[in-house]
N, C-alpha and C. Protein backbone atom coordinates (compact mmCIF):
# COMPACT_ATOMS: atom_id res chain seq x y z
N MET A 1 35.48 12.77 -18.18
CA MET A 1 34.75 13.31 -19.29
C MET A 1 33.26 12.98 -19.22
N VAL A 2 32.89 12.05 -18.29
CA VAL A 2 31.48 11.71 -18.11
C VAL A 2 31.11 12.00 -16.66
N ARG A 3 29.83 12.04 -16.40
CA ARG A 3 29.36 12.24 -15.03
C ARG A 3 29.71 11.02 -14.20
N ARG A 4 29.92 11.24 -12.93
CA ARG A 4 30.32 10.15 -12.04
C ARG A 4 29.27 9.03 -12.04
N ARG A 5 27.99 9.39 -12.10
CA ARG A 5 26.94 8.37 -12.07
C ARG A 5 26.95 7.50 -13.33
N ASP A 6 27.56 8.01 -14.44
CA ASP A 6 27.60 7.27 -15.69
C ASP A 6 28.88 6.47 -15.87
N MET A 7 29.81 6.57 -14.93
CA MET A 7 31.11 5.89 -15.08
C MET A 7 30.95 4.37 -15.08
N GLY A 8 29.93 3.84 -14.44
CA GLY A 8 29.71 2.41 -14.43
C GLY A 8 29.34 1.85 -15.79
N HIS A 9 28.91 2.71 -16.71
CA HIS A 9 28.52 2.27 -18.04
C HIS A 9 29.70 2.20 -19.01
N LEU A 10 30.86 2.78 -18.65
CA LEU A 10 32.02 2.79 -19.54
C LEU A 10 32.67 1.42 -19.60
N ARG A 11 33.01 0.98 -20.81
CA ARG A 11 33.68 -0.31 -20.98
C ARG A 11 35.17 -0.09 -21.27
N ASP A 12 35.47 0.79 -22.21
CA ASP A 12 36.86 1.00 -22.63
C ASP A 12 37.00 2.46 -23.04
N THR A 13 38.07 3.09 -22.59
CA THR A 13 38.33 4.49 -22.92
C THR A 13 39.76 4.61 -23.44
N LYS A 14 39.93 5.38 -24.51
CA LYS A 14 41.30 5.58 -25.04
C LYS A 14 41.42 6.94 -25.68
N VAL A 15 42.64 7.43 -25.71
CA VAL A 15 42.96 8.71 -26.33
C VAL A 15 43.60 8.42 -27.68
N ILE A 16 43.12 9.10 -28.72
CA ILE A 16 43.68 8.93 -30.06
C ILE A 16 44.87 9.88 -30.19
N PRO A 17 46.09 9.36 -30.30
CA PRO A 17 47.25 10.26 -30.39
C PRO A 17 47.31 10.97 -31.74
N GLY A 18 47.75 12.20 -31.72
CA GLY A 18 47.93 12.97 -32.94
C GLY A 18 46.66 13.63 -33.44
N GLU A 19 45.55 13.34 -32.88
CA GLU A 19 44.30 13.96 -33.30
C GLU A 19 43.94 15.04 -32.28
N GLU A 20 44.48 16.19 -32.45
CA GLU A 20 44.21 17.25 -31.49
C GLU A 20 43.79 18.51 -32.21
N ALA A 21 42.85 19.20 -31.66
CA ALA A 21 42.41 20.45 -32.24
C ALA A 21 43.34 21.56 -31.78
N VAL A 22 43.67 21.53 -30.52
CA VAL A 22 44.60 22.47 -29.91
C VAL A 22 45.60 21.60 -29.18
N SER A 23 46.79 22.08 -28.94
CA SER A 23 47.83 21.24 -28.34
C SER A 23 47.44 20.68 -26.97
N GLN A 24 46.52 21.34 -26.24
CA GLN A 24 46.14 20.85 -24.92
C GLN A 24 44.94 19.89 -24.98
N HIS A 25 44.28 19.77 -26.10
CA HIS A 25 43.08 18.94 -26.21
C HIS A 25 43.36 17.74 -27.09
N HIS A 26 42.91 16.55 -26.60
CA HIS A 26 43.09 15.32 -27.37
C HIS A 26 41.73 14.68 -27.57
N LEU A 27 41.62 13.90 -28.64
CA LEU A 27 40.38 13.22 -28.93
C LEU A 27 40.27 11.98 -28.04
N VAL A 28 39.17 11.86 -27.32
CA VAL A 28 38.93 10.73 -26.42
C VAL A 28 37.76 9.92 -26.98
N VAL A 29 37.97 8.61 -27.06
CA VAL A 29 36.95 7.70 -27.56
C VAL A 29 36.67 6.67 -26.47
N CYS A 30 35.37 6.33 -26.30
CA CYS A 30 35.04 5.31 -25.28
C CYS A 30 33.93 4.41 -25.79
N ASP A 31 33.93 3.21 -25.27
CA ASP A 31 32.85 2.27 -25.52
C ASP A 31 31.96 2.27 -24.28
N MET A 32 30.66 2.39 -24.49
CA MET A 32 29.73 2.42 -23.36
C MET A 32 28.75 1.27 -23.46
N ARG A 33 28.36 0.78 -22.33
CA ARG A 33 27.32 -0.24 -22.25
C ARG A 33 26.00 0.48 -22.04
N VAL A 34 25.07 0.28 -22.96
CA VAL A 34 23.77 0.94 -22.88
C VAL A 34 22.74 -0.12 -22.53
N LYS A 35 21.99 0.13 -21.50
CA LYS A 35 20.96 -0.82 -21.08
C LYS A 35 19.79 -0.74 -22.05
N GLY A 36 19.03 -1.83 -22.09
CA GLY A 36 17.85 -1.90 -22.95
C GLY A 36 16.75 -0.99 -22.42
N ALA A 37 15.60 -1.11 -23.00
CA ALA A 37 14.47 -0.29 -22.59
C ALA A 37 14.12 -0.57 -21.13
N ARG A 38 13.65 0.44 -20.46
CA ARG A 38 13.29 0.27 -19.05
C ARG A 38 12.07 -0.60 -18.93
N ARG A 39 12.05 -1.37 -17.84
CA ARG A 39 10.89 -2.22 -17.61
C ARG A 39 9.70 -1.37 -17.18
N ALA A 40 8.54 -1.85 -17.51
CA ALA A 40 7.32 -1.13 -17.12
C ALA A 40 7.18 -1.16 -15.60
N ARG A 41 6.66 -0.09 -15.04
CA ARG A 41 6.48 -0.05 -13.59
C ARG A 41 5.39 -1.02 -13.18
N ARG A 42 5.54 -1.51 -11.97
CA ARG A 42 4.56 -2.45 -11.44
C ARG A 42 3.27 -1.72 -11.12
N VAL A 43 2.16 -2.37 -11.36
CA VAL A 43 0.87 -1.78 -11.05
C VAL A 43 0.77 -1.65 -9.53
N LYS A 44 0.36 -0.47 -9.08
CA LYS A 44 0.33 -0.25 -7.64
C LYS A 44 -0.71 -1.09 -6.93
N TYR A 45 -1.84 -1.30 -7.59
CA TYR A 45 -2.87 -2.11 -6.94
C TYR A 45 -3.55 -2.99 -7.97
N GLN A 46 -3.68 -4.25 -7.67
CA GLN A 46 -4.34 -5.21 -8.53
C GLN A 46 -5.63 -5.67 -7.84
N PRO A 47 -6.81 -5.41 -8.42
CA PRO A 47 -8.04 -5.88 -7.77
C PRO A 47 -8.05 -7.40 -7.67
N ARG A 48 -8.55 -7.92 -6.55
CA ARG A 48 -8.59 -9.35 -6.33
C ARG A 48 -10.02 -9.80 -6.07
N MET A 49 -10.32 -11.01 -6.52
CA MET A 49 -11.63 -11.55 -6.24
C MET A 49 -11.68 -11.97 -4.77
N LYS A 50 -12.80 -11.72 -4.13
CA LYS A 50 -12.94 -12.02 -2.70
C LYS A 50 -13.29 -13.49 -2.49
N VAL A 51 -12.36 -14.39 -2.81
CA VAL A 51 -12.63 -15.82 -2.70
C VAL A 51 -12.80 -16.26 -1.25
N TRP A 52 -12.32 -15.49 -0.30
CA TRP A 52 -12.49 -15.86 1.10
C TRP A 52 -13.96 -15.84 1.51
N ARG A 53 -14.79 -15.18 0.72
CA ARG A 53 -16.22 -15.15 1.02
C ARG A 53 -16.87 -16.51 0.76
N LEU A 54 -16.18 -17.42 0.05
CA LEU A 54 -16.73 -18.75 -0.21
C LEU A 54 -16.84 -19.59 1.05
N LYS A 55 -16.26 -19.15 2.15
CA LYS A 55 -16.41 -19.85 3.42
C LYS A 55 -17.85 -19.73 3.93
N GLU A 56 -18.54 -18.68 3.51
CA GLU A 56 -19.92 -18.47 3.92
C GLU A 56 -20.82 -19.36 3.06
N VAL A 57 -21.72 -20.08 3.72
CA VAL A 57 -22.58 -21.04 3.02
C VAL A 57 -23.47 -20.38 1.97
N PRO A 58 -24.15 -19.25 2.24
CA PRO A 58 -25.01 -18.67 1.20
C PRO A 58 -24.23 -18.26 -0.06
N VAL A 59 -23.03 -17.77 0.12
CA VAL A 59 -22.21 -17.36 -1.03
C VAL A 59 -21.80 -18.58 -1.84
N ARG A 60 -21.43 -19.64 -1.13
CA ARG A 60 -21.03 -20.88 -1.80
C ARG A 60 -22.20 -21.46 -2.61
N GLU A 61 -23.39 -21.46 -2.02
CA GLU A 61 -24.57 -21.97 -2.71
C GLU A 61 -24.90 -21.11 -3.94
N ALA A 62 -24.76 -19.79 -3.81
CA ALA A 62 -25.04 -18.90 -4.93
C ALA A 62 -24.07 -19.16 -6.08
N LEU A 63 -22.80 -19.44 -5.76
CA LEU A 63 -21.82 -19.74 -6.80
C LEU A 63 -22.15 -21.06 -7.49
N LYS A 64 -22.53 -22.07 -6.71
CA LYS A 64 -22.90 -23.36 -7.31
C LYS A 64 -24.09 -23.18 -8.26
N GLU A 65 -25.07 -22.41 -7.83
CA GLU A 65 -26.26 -22.18 -8.65
C GLU A 65 -25.90 -21.42 -9.92
N ARG A 66 -25.03 -20.45 -9.81
CA ARG A 66 -24.61 -19.64 -10.97
C ARG A 66 -23.81 -20.48 -11.95
N LEU A 67 -22.94 -21.36 -11.45
CA LEU A 67 -22.12 -22.19 -12.33
C LEU A 67 -22.95 -23.30 -12.98
N SER A 68 -24.04 -23.70 -12.34
CA SER A 68 -24.87 -24.75 -12.96
C SER A 68 -25.58 -24.24 -14.21
N ARG A 69 -25.73 -22.92 -14.33
CA ARG A 69 -26.38 -22.34 -15.52
C ARG A 69 -25.44 -22.21 -16.71
N VAL A 70 -24.14 -22.42 -16.50
CA VAL A 70 -23.16 -22.27 -17.59
C VAL A 70 -23.30 -23.44 -18.54
N GLU A 71 -23.36 -23.15 -19.82
CA GLU A 71 -23.49 -24.19 -20.84
C GLU A 71 -22.14 -24.87 -21.06
N ALA A 72 -22.19 -26.16 -21.35
CA ALA A 72 -20.96 -26.94 -21.54
C ALA A 72 -20.96 -27.57 -22.93
N ASP A 73 -20.72 -26.77 -23.95
CA ASP A 73 -20.61 -27.28 -25.32
C ASP A 73 -19.14 -27.41 -25.67
N VAL A 74 -18.70 -28.63 -26.01
CA VAL A 74 -17.29 -28.86 -26.34
C VAL A 74 -17.12 -28.67 -27.84
N VAL A 75 -16.33 -27.65 -28.20
CA VAL A 75 -16.09 -27.39 -29.62
C VAL A 75 -14.62 -27.62 -29.92
N GLU A 76 -13.78 -26.88 -29.24
CA GLU A 76 -12.35 -27.08 -29.44
C GLU A 76 -11.64 -26.72 -28.14
N LEU A 77 -10.48 -27.31 -27.90
CA LEU A 77 -9.83 -27.26 -26.60
C LEU A 77 -9.52 -25.85 -26.13
N GLU A 78 -8.86 -25.07 -26.97
CA GLU A 78 -8.44 -23.71 -26.57
C GLU A 78 -9.64 -22.83 -26.24
N SER A 79 -10.64 -22.87 -27.07
CA SER A 79 -11.82 -22.04 -26.81
C SER A 79 -12.58 -22.56 -25.59
N ASP A 80 -12.55 -23.90 -25.37
CA ASP A 80 -13.18 -24.46 -24.17
C ASP A 80 -12.54 -23.93 -22.90
N TRP A 81 -11.21 -23.92 -22.87
CA TRP A 81 -10.50 -23.43 -21.69
C TRP A 81 -10.81 -21.95 -21.46
N MET A 82 -10.81 -21.18 -22.53
CA MET A 82 -11.08 -19.75 -22.40
C MET A 82 -12.51 -19.50 -21.92
N SER A 83 -13.48 -20.25 -22.47
CA SER A 83 -14.86 -20.05 -22.05
C SER A 83 -15.06 -20.49 -20.60
N MET A 84 -14.38 -21.60 -20.20
CA MET A 84 -14.48 -22.04 -18.81
C MET A 84 -13.86 -21.00 -17.87
N LYS A 85 -12.71 -20.47 -18.27
CA LYS A 85 -12.05 -19.44 -17.46
C LYS A 85 -12.95 -18.21 -17.33
N ASP A 86 -13.50 -17.76 -18.44
CA ASP A 86 -14.37 -16.58 -18.42
C ASP A 86 -15.61 -16.81 -17.57
N SER A 87 -16.21 -18.01 -17.68
CA SER A 87 -17.42 -18.28 -16.90
C SER A 87 -17.10 -18.37 -15.41
N LEU A 88 -15.98 -19.00 -15.05
CA LEU A 88 -15.60 -19.10 -13.63
C LEU A 88 -15.30 -17.72 -13.05
N LEU A 89 -14.54 -16.92 -13.78
CA LEU A 89 -14.21 -15.58 -13.28
C LEU A 89 -15.45 -14.70 -13.22
N GLY A 90 -16.32 -14.82 -14.21
CA GLY A 90 -17.54 -14.01 -14.22
C GLY A 90 -18.46 -14.38 -13.07
N ALA A 91 -18.67 -15.68 -12.88
CA ALA A 91 -19.54 -16.13 -11.79
C ALA A 91 -18.94 -15.78 -10.43
N GLY A 92 -17.65 -16.01 -10.27
CA GLY A 92 -16.99 -15.67 -9.00
C GLY A 92 -17.03 -14.19 -8.72
N GLY A 93 -16.85 -13.39 -9.75
CA GLY A 93 -16.89 -11.94 -9.57
C GLY A 93 -18.28 -11.46 -9.19
N GLU A 94 -19.30 -12.04 -9.81
CA GLU A 94 -20.69 -11.65 -9.48
C GLU A 94 -21.06 -12.03 -8.06
N VAL A 95 -20.70 -13.25 -7.67
CA VAL A 95 -21.12 -13.77 -6.36
C VAL A 95 -20.24 -13.24 -5.24
N CYS A 96 -18.93 -13.32 -5.40
CA CYS A 96 -18.01 -12.95 -4.32
C CYS A 96 -17.68 -11.46 -4.32
N GLY A 97 -17.57 -10.86 -5.48
CA GLY A 97 -17.19 -9.46 -5.58
C GLY A 97 -15.68 -9.30 -5.72
N TRP A 98 -15.26 -8.06 -5.92
CA TRP A 98 -13.84 -7.74 -6.11
C TRP A 98 -13.42 -6.71 -5.06
N THR A 99 -12.13 -6.73 -4.71
CA THR A 99 -11.62 -5.71 -3.81
C THR A 99 -11.53 -4.40 -4.58
N LYS A 100 -11.66 -3.29 -3.87
CA LYS A 100 -11.71 -1.99 -4.54
C LYS A 100 -10.42 -1.21 -4.46
N GLY A 101 -9.60 -1.47 -3.50
CA GLY A 101 -8.37 -0.70 -3.35
C GLY A 101 -7.48 -1.33 -2.31
N PRO A 102 -6.29 -0.77 -2.13
CA PRO A 102 -5.38 -1.35 -1.15
C PRO A 102 -5.95 -1.21 0.26
N PRO A 103 -5.59 -2.13 1.15
CA PRO A 103 -6.09 -2.03 2.52
C PRO A 103 -5.56 -0.77 3.20
N ARG A 104 -6.40 -0.15 3.98
CA ARG A 104 -6.00 1.07 4.68
C ARG A 104 -5.95 0.81 6.18
N HIS A 105 -5.30 1.69 6.88
CA HIS A 105 -5.22 1.65 8.34
C HIS A 105 -4.66 0.33 8.84
N LEU A 106 -3.55 -0.09 8.29
CA LEU A 106 -2.97 -1.35 8.70
C LEU A 106 -2.49 -1.32 10.14
N GLY A 107 -2.09 -0.15 10.62
CA GLY A 107 -1.51 -0.07 11.96
C GLY A 107 -2.52 0.20 13.05
N THR A 108 -3.81 0.26 12.77
CA THR A 108 -4.77 0.63 13.80
C THR A 108 -5.63 -0.53 14.25
N TRP A 109 -5.13 -1.72 14.22
CA TRP A 109 -5.89 -2.89 14.66
C TRP A 109 -6.21 -2.80 16.14
N TRP A 110 -5.46 -2.03 16.88
CA TRP A 110 -5.61 -1.96 18.33
C TRP A 110 -6.63 -0.91 18.76
N TRP A 111 -7.11 -0.10 17.82
CA TRP A 111 -8.02 1.00 18.16
C TRP A 111 -9.37 0.43 18.60
N ASP A 112 -9.86 0.88 19.73
CA ASP A 112 -11.18 0.46 20.20
C ASP A 112 -11.91 1.66 20.78
N ASP A 113 -13.08 1.46 21.37
CA ASP A 113 -13.90 2.56 21.88
C ASP A 113 -13.21 3.33 23.00
N GLU A 114 -12.56 2.59 23.89
CA GLU A 114 -11.90 3.25 25.03
C GLU A 114 -10.76 4.16 24.55
N VAL A 115 -9.97 3.68 23.61
CA VAL A 115 -8.88 4.49 23.06
C VAL A 115 -9.47 5.70 22.35
N GLY A 116 -10.54 5.50 21.61
CA GLY A 116 -11.19 6.61 20.90
C GLY A 116 -11.68 7.69 21.85
N LYS A 117 -12.27 7.27 22.98
CA LYS A 117 -12.75 8.24 23.97
C LYS A 117 -11.59 9.07 24.53
N ARG A 118 -10.50 8.37 24.86
CA ARG A 118 -9.33 9.07 25.43
C ARG A 118 -8.74 10.07 24.43
N ILE A 119 -8.66 9.67 23.17
CA ILE A 119 -8.09 10.55 22.15
C ILE A 119 -9.01 11.76 21.93
N ASP A 120 -10.32 11.55 21.89
CA ASP A 120 -11.27 12.67 21.74
C ASP A 120 -11.14 13.64 22.91
N GLU A 121 -11.01 13.09 24.11
CA GLU A 121 -10.85 13.93 25.29
C GLU A 121 -9.56 14.75 25.20
N LYS A 122 -8.50 14.11 24.72
CA LYS A 122 -7.22 14.81 24.57
C LYS A 122 -7.35 15.94 23.56
N ARG A 123 -8.04 15.71 22.46
CA ARG A 123 -8.22 16.75 21.43
C ARG A 123 -9.00 17.94 21.99
N LYS A 124 -10.04 17.65 22.76
CA LYS A 124 -10.84 18.73 23.35
C LYS A 124 -9.99 19.56 24.30
N LYS A 125 -9.20 18.89 25.14
CA LYS A 125 -8.34 19.60 26.10
C LYS A 125 -7.30 20.45 25.37
N PHE A 126 -6.80 19.95 24.25
CA PHE A 126 -5.82 20.70 23.48
C PHE A 126 -6.44 21.99 22.94
N LYS A 127 -7.67 21.87 22.41
CA LYS A 127 -8.36 23.06 21.88
C LYS A 127 -8.63 24.07 22.99
N GLU A 128 -9.03 23.56 24.16
CA GLU A 128 -9.27 24.46 25.30
C GLU A 128 -7.98 25.17 25.70
N TRP A 129 -6.88 24.45 25.70
CA TRP A 129 -5.58 25.05 26.06
C TRP A 129 -5.20 26.12 25.02
N GLN A 130 -5.42 25.83 23.71
CA GLN A 130 -5.09 26.80 22.68
C GLN A 130 -5.94 28.06 22.79
N LYS A 131 -7.23 27.88 23.15
CA LYS A 131 -8.11 29.05 23.32
C LYS A 131 -7.71 29.88 24.54
N ALA A 132 -7.16 29.22 25.56
CA ALA A 132 -6.80 29.91 26.80
C ALA A 132 -5.44 30.60 26.72
N LYS A 133 -4.72 30.47 25.61
CA LYS A 133 -3.40 31.11 25.51
C LYS A 133 -3.53 32.62 25.64
N GLY A 134 -2.64 33.17 26.42
CA GLY A 134 -2.64 34.62 26.63
C GLY A 134 -3.57 35.06 27.76
N THR A 135 -4.27 34.11 28.37
CA THR A 135 -5.14 34.46 29.50
C THR A 135 -4.54 33.91 30.78
N GLY A 136 -5.20 34.16 31.88
CA GLY A 136 -4.71 33.69 33.17
C GLY A 136 -4.89 32.19 33.35
N ALA A 137 -5.80 31.58 32.60
CA ALA A 137 -6.09 30.15 32.75
C ALA A 137 -5.20 29.27 31.88
N GLU A 138 -4.25 29.88 31.18
CA GLU A 138 -3.42 29.11 30.26
C GLU A 138 -2.62 28.03 30.97
N LYS A 139 -2.02 28.35 32.08
CA LYS A 139 -1.19 27.39 32.81
C LYS A 139 -2.02 26.19 33.28
N ALA A 140 -3.20 26.47 33.84
CA ALA A 140 -4.06 25.39 34.34
C ALA A 140 -4.55 24.51 33.19
N GLU A 141 -4.92 25.13 32.07
CA GLU A 141 -5.38 24.36 30.91
C GLU A 141 -4.27 23.49 30.34
N HIS A 142 -3.05 24.04 30.36
CA HIS A 142 -1.90 23.28 29.85
C HIS A 142 -1.63 22.06 30.73
N GLU A 143 -1.70 22.25 32.03
CA GLU A 143 -1.48 21.13 32.95
C GLU A 143 -2.59 20.08 32.77
N SER A 144 -3.83 20.54 32.59
CA SER A 144 -4.94 19.63 32.37
C SER A 144 -4.74 18.85 31.07
N TYR A 145 -4.30 19.53 30.03
CA TYR A 145 -4.03 18.87 28.75
C TYR A 145 -2.93 17.83 28.89
N LYS A 146 -1.85 18.17 29.60
CA LYS A 146 -0.74 17.23 29.77
C LYS A 146 -1.18 15.97 30.51
N ALA A 147 -2.05 16.13 31.51
CA ALA A 147 -2.54 14.97 32.27
C ALA A 147 -3.40 14.06 31.38
N VAL A 148 -4.29 14.67 30.60
CA VAL A 148 -5.15 13.88 29.70
C VAL A 148 -4.32 13.23 28.61
N LYS A 149 -3.31 13.92 28.13
CA LYS A 149 -2.44 13.39 27.09
C LYS A 149 -1.69 12.16 27.60
N LYS A 150 -1.22 12.24 28.85
CA LYS A 150 -0.51 11.12 29.45
C LYS A 150 -1.43 9.92 29.61
N ALA A 151 -2.69 10.18 30.02
CA ALA A 151 -3.66 9.09 30.17
C ALA A 151 -3.97 8.44 28.82
N ALA A 152 -4.10 9.26 27.79
CA ALA A 152 -4.38 8.73 26.45
C ALA A 152 -3.21 7.88 25.96
N LYS A 153 -2.01 8.34 26.23
CA LYS A 153 -0.82 7.61 25.82
C LYS A 153 -0.77 6.25 26.50
N LYS A 154 -1.12 6.21 27.78
CA LYS A 154 -1.13 4.94 28.52
C LYS A 154 -2.21 4.01 27.97
N GLU A 155 -3.36 4.55 27.63
CA GLU A 155 -4.46 3.74 27.09
C GLU A 155 -4.06 3.13 25.75
N VAL A 156 -3.40 3.90 24.89
CA VAL A 156 -2.94 3.39 23.60
C VAL A 156 -1.91 2.29 23.81
N ALA A 157 -0.96 2.52 24.73
CA ALA A 157 0.07 1.51 24.99
C ALA A 157 -0.55 0.22 25.53
N LYS A 158 -1.55 0.36 26.40
CA LYS A 158 -2.23 -0.82 26.95
C LYS A 158 -2.95 -1.59 25.85
N ALA A 159 -3.61 -0.86 24.95
CA ALA A 159 -4.33 -1.50 23.85
C ALA A 159 -3.38 -2.21 22.90
N ILE A 160 -2.23 -1.63 22.65
CA ILE A 160 -1.26 -2.23 21.73
C ILE A 160 -0.65 -3.49 22.35
N ARG A 161 -0.45 -3.49 23.67
CA ARG A 161 0.14 -4.65 24.34
C ARG A 161 -0.77 -5.87 24.33
N GLN A 162 -2.08 -5.66 24.24
CA GLN A 162 -3.02 -6.78 24.25
C GLN A 162 -2.88 -7.58 22.97
N PRO A 163 -3.05 -8.90 23.05
CA PRO A 163 -2.98 -9.72 21.84
C PRO A 163 -4.09 -9.33 20.86
N ARG A 164 -3.81 -9.52 19.56
CA ARG A 164 -4.76 -9.13 18.52
C ARG A 164 -6.08 -9.87 18.62
N ARG A 165 -6.05 -11.14 18.93
CA ARG A 165 -7.30 -11.91 18.93
C ARG A 165 -8.27 -11.39 19.98
N LEU A 166 -7.74 -10.86 21.09
CA LEU A 166 -8.62 -10.28 22.10
C LEU A 166 -9.21 -8.96 21.62
N GLN A 167 -8.43 -8.21 20.84
CA GLN A 167 -8.89 -6.92 20.35
C GLN A 167 -10.06 -7.10 19.38
N ARG A 168 -10.04 -8.13 18.57
CA ARG A 168 -11.07 -8.31 17.55
C ARG A 168 -12.42 -8.66 18.17
N LYS A 169 -12.42 -9.23 19.38
CA LYS A 169 -13.67 -9.62 20.02
C LYS A 169 -14.43 -8.43 20.57
N ARG A 170 -13.77 -7.32 20.77
CA ARG A 170 -14.41 -6.15 21.37
C ARG A 170 -15.44 -5.57 20.50
């Protein structure tokens, strides 16, 4: 009497005898478990303060200078904590900055100038092959494209095999 996906919500089902509208139909009663309100979706991206920039000496000095200007008047504990939190976050945000969005291109750490040259060459050869379709030079252009494509593939594989720390030095 319910959809298959809703059967997990049923607790108890029973037929009431003698309560029928037509001889083939009986009254069915069930107890269902209803879940509470749905939880709010998680925020896709949360901006973060760039605290890693504090490793740089000028940034660290700028933060020290900015925090030295903050007034320290003790009035009451809760407001003190809130004002300290606000001043620290404000100064850190001004000096270090905030991230703007999720990191992009996570899988391209291996990309370098040599790989870029090979890929550009492959794209050019592909366009030349597409322009040559239907002409006598189509076969030669296709073979040329396949050779460049194979070389580009080898260059990408070589770049990926190299350790990351060597790639960053390039």
